[in-house]
C-alpha atoms as a PDB file:
ATOM      1  CA  UNK A   1      -8.028  -0.520 -32.071  1.00  0.00           C
ATOM      2  CA  UNK A   2     -11.113   0.054 -29.944  1.00  0.00           C
ATOM      3  CA  UNK A   3     -12.728   3.475 -29.964  1.00  0.00           C
ATOM      4  CA  UNK A   4     -11.220   5.641 -27.413  1.00  0.00           C
ATOM      5  CA  UNK A   5     -13.653   6.582 -24.728  1.00  0.00           C
ATOM      6  CA  UNK A   6     -16.799   4.980 -26.490  1.00  0.00           C
ATOM      7  CA  UNK A   7     -19.021   5.354 -23.668  1.00  0.00           C
ATOM      8  CA  UNK A   8     -17.655   8.568 -22.378  1.00  0.00           C
ATOM      9  CA  UNK A   9     -18.371  12.266 -23.830  1.00  0.00           C
ATOM     10  CA  UNK A  10     -15.309  13.694 -25.453  1.00  0.00           C
ATOM     11  CA  UNK A  11     -15.274  16.518 -23.288  1.00  0.00           C
ATOM     12  CA  UNK A  12     -14.531  13.983 -20.361  1.00  0.00           C
ATOM     13  CA  UNK A  13     -11.976  11.997 -22.077  1.00  0.00           C
ATOM     14  CA  UNK A  14     -10.278  14.913 -23.085  1.00  0.00           C
ATOM     15  CA  UNK A  15      -9.270  15.654 -19.480  1.00  0.00           C
ATOM     16  CA  UNK A  16      -6.276  13.985 -18.127  1.00  0.00           C
ATOM     17  CA  UNK A  17      -7.670  14.341 -14.630  1.00  0.00           C
ATOM     18  CA  UNK A  18     -10.800  12.468 -15.381  1.00  0.00           C
ATOM     19  CA  UNK A  19      -8.850   9.655 -16.951  1.00  0.00           C
ATOM     20  CA  UNK A  20      -6.391   9.576 -14.087  1.00  0.00           C
ATOM     21  CA  UNK A  21      -9.608   9.334 -11.609  1.00  0.00           C
ATOM     22  CA  UNK A  22     -11.405   6.921 -13.611  1.00  0.00           C
ATOM     23  CA  UNK A  23      -8.515   4.364 -14.018  1.00  0.00           C
ATOM     24  CA  UNK A  24      -7.639   5.047 -10.432  1.00  0.00           C
ATOM     25  CA  UNK A  25     -11.144   4.069  -9.276  1.00  0.00           C
ATOM     26  CA  UNK A  26     -10.778   1.175 -11.413  1.00  0.00           C
ATOM     27  CA  UNK A  27      -7.496   0.075 -10.135  1.00  0.00           C
ATOM     28  CA  UNK A  28      -8.751   0.460  -6.525  1.00  0.00           C
ATOM     29  CA  UNK A  29     -11.675  -1.547  -7.231  1.00  0.00           C
ATOM     30  CA  UNK A  30      -9.652  -4.442  -8.574  1.00  0.00           C
ATOM     31  CA  UNK A  31      -7.228  -4.147  -5.559  1.00  0.00           C
ATOM     32  CA  UNK A  32      -9.790  -3.944  -2.951  1.00  0.00           C
ATOM     33  CA  UNK A  33     -11.625  -6.947  -4.632  1.00  0.00           C
ATOM     34  CA  UNK A  34      -8.416  -9.097  -4.544  1.00  0.00           C
ATOM     35  CA  UNK A  35      -7.578  -7.925  -0.933  1.00  0.00           C
ATOM     36  CA  UNK A  36     -10.956  -8.848   0.342  1.00  0.00           C
ATOM     37  CA  UNK A  37     -10.934 -12.341  -1.137  1.00  0.00           C
ATOM     38  CA  UNK A  38      -8.132 -12.750   1.300  1.00  0.00           C
ATOM     39  CA  UNK A  39      -9.837 -10.861   4.266  1.00  0.00           C
ATOM     40  CA  UNK A  40      -7.654  -7.987   4.083  1.00  0.00           C
ATOM     41  CA  UNK A  41      -8.050  -4.274   3.221  1.00  0.00           C
ATOM     42  CA  UNK A  42      -5.964  -1.387   1.720  1.00  0.00           C
ATOM     43  CA  UNK A  43      -4.930  -0.431   5.350  1.00  0.00           C
ATOM     44  CA  UNK A  44      -3.813  -4.144   5.870  1.00  0.00           C
ATOM     45  CA  UNK A  45      -1.843  -4.225   2.770  1.00  0.00           C
ATOM     46  CA  UNK A  46      -0.275  -0.916   3.655  1.00  0.00           C
ATOM     47  CA  UNK A  47       0.967  -2.131   7.304  1.00  0.00           C
ATOM     48  CA  UNK A  48       2.258  -5.472   5.688  1.00  0.00           C
ATOM     49  CA  UNK A  49       4.039  -3.512   3.153  1.00  0.00           C
ATOM     50  CA  UNK A  50       5.551  -0.913   5.462  1.00  0.00           C
ATOM     51  CA  UNK A  51       6.593  -3.592   7.966  1.00  0.00           C
ATOM     52  CA  UNK A  52       8.256  -5.701   5.303  1.00  0.00           C
ATOM     53  CA  UNK A  53      10.081  -2.813   3.953  1.00  0.00           C
ATOM     54  CA  UNK A  54      11.194  -1.154   7.207  1.00  0.00           C
ATOM     55  CA  UNK A  55      11.074  -3.873   9.703  1.00  0.00           C
ATOM     56  CA  UNK A  56       9.797  -3.608  13.400  1.00  0.00           C
ATOM     57  CA  UNK A  57       8.234  -0.216  14.357  1.00  0.00           C
ATOM     58  CA  UNK A  58       5.592   1.570  16.732  1.00  0.00           C
ATOM     59  CA  UNK A  59       1.946   1.118  15.941  1.00  0.00           C
ATOM     60  CA  UNK A  60       1.860   5.209  16.026  1.00  0.00           C
ATOM     61  CA  UNK A  61       4.708   5.359  13.237  1.00  0.00           C
ATOM     62  CA  UNK A  62       2.680   2.803  11.062  1.00  0.00           C
ATOM     63  CA  UNK A  63      -0.419   4.923  11.405  1.00  0.00           C
ATOM     64  CA  UNK A  64       1.198   7.806  10.041  1.00  0.00           C
ATOM     65  CA  UNK A  65       2.950   5.765   7.287  1.00  0.00           C
ATOM     66  CA  UNK A  66      -0.342   4.587   6.060  1.00  0.00           C
ATOM     67  CA  UNK A  67      -2.565   7.618   6.955  1.00  0.00           C
ATOM     68  CA  UNK A  68      -4.728   6.170   9.425  1.00  0.00           C
ATOM     69  CA  UNK A  69      -5.708   7.844  12.738  1.00  0.00           C
ATOM     70  CA  UNK A  70      -4.456   5.899  15.478  1.00  0.00           C
ATOM     71  CA  UNK A  71      -7.886   5.979  17.083  1.00  0.00           C
ATOM     72  CA  UNK A  72      -9.140   3.930  14.099  1.00  0.00           C
ATOM     73  CA  UNK A  73      -6.085   1.593  13.773  1.00  0.00           C
ATOM     74  CA  UNK A  74      -6.755  -1.008  16.446  1.00  0.00           C
ATOM     75  CA  UNK A  75      -9.286  -3.103  14.390  1.00  0.00           C
ATOM     76  CA  UNK A  76      -6.432  -3.103  11.585  1.00  0.00           C
ATOM     77  CA  UNK A  77      -3.799  -4.277  13.834  1.00  0.00           C
ATOM     78  CA  UNK A  78      -6.175  -6.767  15.564  1.00  0.00           C
ATOM     79  CA  UNK A  79      -7.200  -8.319  12.265  1.00  0.00           C
ATOM     80  CA  UNK A  80      -3.600  -8.768  11.026  1.00  0.00           C
ATOM     81  CA  UNK A  81      -2.789 -10.417  14.473  1.00  0.00           C
ATOM     82  CA  UNK A  82      -5.775 -12.605  14.179  1.00  0.00           C
ATOM     83  CA  UNK A  83      -4.297 -13.802  10.878  1.00  0.00           C
ATOM     84  CA  UNK A  84      -0.715 -14.311  12.381  1.00  0.00           C
ATOM     85  CA  UNK A  85       0.668 -11.668   9.805  1.00  0.00           C
ATOM     86  CA  UNK A  86       1.990  -9.548  12.646  1.00  0.00           C
ATOM     87  CA  UNK A  87       2.844  -9.558  16.249  1.00  0.00           C
ATOM     88  CA  UNK A  88       2.609  -6.915  18.852  1.00  0.00           C
ATOM     89  CA  UNK A  89       4.517  -6.344  21.895  1.00  0.00           C
ATOM     90  CA  UNK A  90       4.902  -3.733  24.603  1.00  0.00           C
ATOM     91  CA  UNK A  91       7.872  -1.550  24.013  1.00  0.00           C
ATOM     92  CA  UNK A  92      10.817  -2.085  26.443  1.00  0.00           C
ATOM     93  CA  UNK A  93      11.455   1.411  26.759  1.00  0.00           C
ATOM     94  CA  UNK A  94       7.925   2.901  26.941  1.00  0.00           C
ATOM     95  CA  UNK A  95       5.470   0.557  27.952  1.00  0.00           C
ATOM     96  CA  UNK A  96       2.741   2.824  26.588  1.00  0.00           C
ATOM     97  CA  UNK A  97       3.794   2.211  23.052  1.00  0.00           C
ATOM     98  CA  UNK A  98       3.169  -1.172  21.179  1.00  0.00           C
ATOM     99  CA  UNK A  99       5.765  -2.509  18.760  1.00  0.00           C
ATOM    100  CA  UNK A 100       4.741  -4.266  15.593  1.00  0.00           C
ATOM    101  CA  UNK A 101       6.873  -6.610  13.604  1.00  0.00           C
ATOM    102  CA  UNK A 102       5.716  -8.792  10.529  1.00  0.00           C
ATOM    103  CA  UNK A 103       5.659 -12.404  10.986  1.00  0.00           C
ATOM    104  CA  UNK A 104       6.730 -15.124   8.664  1.00  0.00           C
ATOM    105  CA  UNK A 105       3.204 -15.719   7.571  1.00  0.00           C
ATOM    106  CA  UNK A 106       3.140 -11.809   6.983  1.00  0.00           C
ATOM    107  CA  UNK A 107       6.175 -11.999   4.728  1.00  0.00           C
ATOM    108  CA  UNK A 108       4.491 -14.983   2.619  1.00  0.00           C
ATOM    109  CA  UNK A 109       1.377 -13.072   2.312  1.00  0.00           C
ATOM    110  CA  UNK A 110       3.362  -9.972   1.208  1.00  0.00           C
ATOM    111  CA  UNK A 111       4.962 -12.002  -1.561  1.00  0.00           C
ATOM    112  CA  UNK A 112       1.691 -13.368  -2.814  1.00  0.00           C
ATOM    113  CA  UNK A 113       0.130  -9.944  -2.648  1.00  0.00           C
ATOM    114  CA  UNK A 114       3.263  -8.507  -4.835  1.00  0.00           C
ATOM    115  CA  UNK A 115       2.574 -11.349  -7.265  1.00  0.00           C
ATOM    116  CA  UNK A 116      -1.297 -10.868  -7.585  1.00  0.00           C
ATOM    117  CA  UNK A 117      -0.762  -7.125  -7.740  1.00  0.00           C
ATOM    118  CA  UNK A 118       1.756  -7.319 -10.547  1.00  0.00           C
ATOM    119  CA  UNK A 119      -0.841  -9.526 -12.446  1.00  0.00           C
ATOM    120  CA  UNK A 120      -3.770  -7.043 -11.645  1.00  0.00           C
ATOM    121  CA  UNK A 121      -1.309  -4.294 -13.041  1.00  0.00           C
ATOM    122  CA  UNK A 122      -0.534  -6.190 -16.226  1.00  0.00           C
ATOM    123  CA  UNK A 123      -4.280  -6.884 -16.842  1.00  0.00           C
ATOM    124  CA  UNK A 124      -5.216  -3.104 -16.142  1.00  0.00           C
ATOM    125  CA  UNK A 125      -2.405  -2.046 -18.761  1.00  0.00           C
ATOM    126  CA  UNK A 126      -3.034  -5.133 -21.311  1.00  0.00           C
ATOM    127  CA  UNK A 127      -3.499  -2.437 -24.177  1.00  0.00           C
ATOM    128  CA  UNK A 128       0.016  -1.118 -23.686  1.00  0.00           C
ATOM    129  CA  UNK A 129       3.353  -2.541 -24.923  1.00  0.00           C
ATOM    130  CA  UNK A 130       6.079  -3.014 -22.567  1.00  0.00           C
ATOM    131  CA  UNK A 131       7.611   0.163 -23.567  1.00  0.00           C
ATOM    132  CA  UNK A 132       4.679   2.134 -23.104  1.00  0.00           C
ATOM    133  CA  UNK A 133       4.134   0.611 -19.584  1.00  0.00           C
ATOM    134  CA  UNK A 134       7.581   1.828 -18.591  1.00  0.00           C
ATOM    135  CA  UNK A 135       6.902   5.244 -20.025  1.00  0.00           C
ATOM    136  CA  UNK A 136       3.410   5.695 -18.378  1.00  0.00           C
ATOM    137  CA  UNK A 137       5.083   4.501 -15.035  1.00  0.00           C
ATOM    138  CA  UNK A 138       7.937   6.795 -15.364  1.00  0.00           C
ATOM    139  CA  UNK A 139       5.612   9.904 -16.305  1.00  0.00           C
ATOM    140  CA  UNK A 140       3.064   8.959 -13.483  1.00  0.00           C
ATOM    141  CA  UNK A 141       6.296   8.661 -11.058  1.00  0.00           C
ATOM    142  CA  UNK A 142       7.177  12.354 -12.111  1.00  0.00           C
ATOM    143  CA  UNK A 143       3.738  13.655 -11.528  1.00  0.00           C
ATOM    144  CA  UNK A 144       3.704  12.040  -8.267  1.00  0.00           C
ATOM    145  CA  UNK A 145       7.081  13.215  -7.011  1.00  0.00           C
ATOM    146  CA  UNK A 146       6.196  16.629  -8.276  1.00  0.00           C
ATOM    147  CA  UNK A 147       3.005  16.796  -6.114  1.00  0.00           C
ATOM    148  CA  UNK A 148       4.655  15.303  -3.091  1.00  0.00           C
ATOM    149  CA  UNK A 149       7.200  17.867  -3.463  1.00  0.00           C
ATOM    150  CA  UNK A 150       4.881  20.595  -3.767  1.00  0.00           C
ATOM    151  CA  UNK A 151       2.958  19.654  -0.814  1.00  0.00           C
ATOM    152  CA  UNK A 152       6.134  19.170   1.540  1.00  0.00           C
ATOM    153  CA  UNK A 153       4.947  15.591   2.058  1.00  0.00           C
ATOM    154  CA  UNK A 154       7.012  12.442   2.320  1.00  0.00           C
ATOM    155  CA  UNK A 155       5.894   9.039   1.750  1.00  0.00           C
ATOM    156  CA  UNK A 156       8.610   7.636   4.110  1.00  0.00           C
ATOM    157  CA  UNK A 157       8.524   5.444   6.962  1.00  0.00           C
ATOM    158  CA  UNK A 158       9.203   7.185  10.433  1.00  0.00           C
ATOM    159  CA  UNK A 159      12.205   6.205  12.596  1.00  0.00           C
ATOM    160  CA  UNK A 160      12.192   2.669  13.960  1.00  0.00           C
ATOM    161  CA  UNK A 161      11.844   1.914  17.905  1.00  0.00           C
ATOM    162  CA  UNK A 162      14.997   1.037  19.819  1.00  0.00           C
ATOM    163  CA  UNK A 163      16.854  -2.012  18.439  1.00  0.00           C
ATOM    164  CA  UNK A 164      15.820  -5.423  20.050  1.00  0.00           C
ATOM    165  CA  UNK A 165      17.405  -8.896  19.531  1.00  0.00           C
ATOM    166  CA  UNK A 166      17.459 -10.362  16.367  1.00  0.00           C
ATOM    167  CA  UNK A 167      15.140 -13.223  17.392  1.00  0.00           C
ATOM    168  CA  UNK A 168      12.192 -10.795  17.972  1.00  0.00           C
ATOM    169  CA  UNK A 169      12.249 -10.020  14.329  1.00  0.00           C
ATOM    170  CA  UNK A 170      11.610 -13.584  13.181  1.00  0.00           C
END
């Protein structure tokens, strides 16, 4: 077994917060590199995942779901649309709103990102057994849920716009 925290002072490696921050930074660096190789950012990933899970919705609601100020979101949507990963239309009930839907190419990209992301997770946790990975995930999820509950936050997708024909979802 390798020395634990060989390059870090014991005062740091004895801190769970420090370890979470360091591992989170490394995980984010790997994710960002993988996404940038595809011309995407973490915000693009968030939009695609939200649309894949929840279907058509308004730009405003997507901004809320991924934590981006709507004034800063146009380039995110423009890039995804330029890559044919999403389509935007005017809402039939409120022309000021833009509805967003994932395309077939967007779904293919999401599937690829999920597979690649799973491989990145596997590499990041290579030193753990399957049981240890499962335990770590369960414990991190418990901490996450506790923090979200204590902040009265929710990580859910806001309500969808009025239903349109099934043809507009493809």
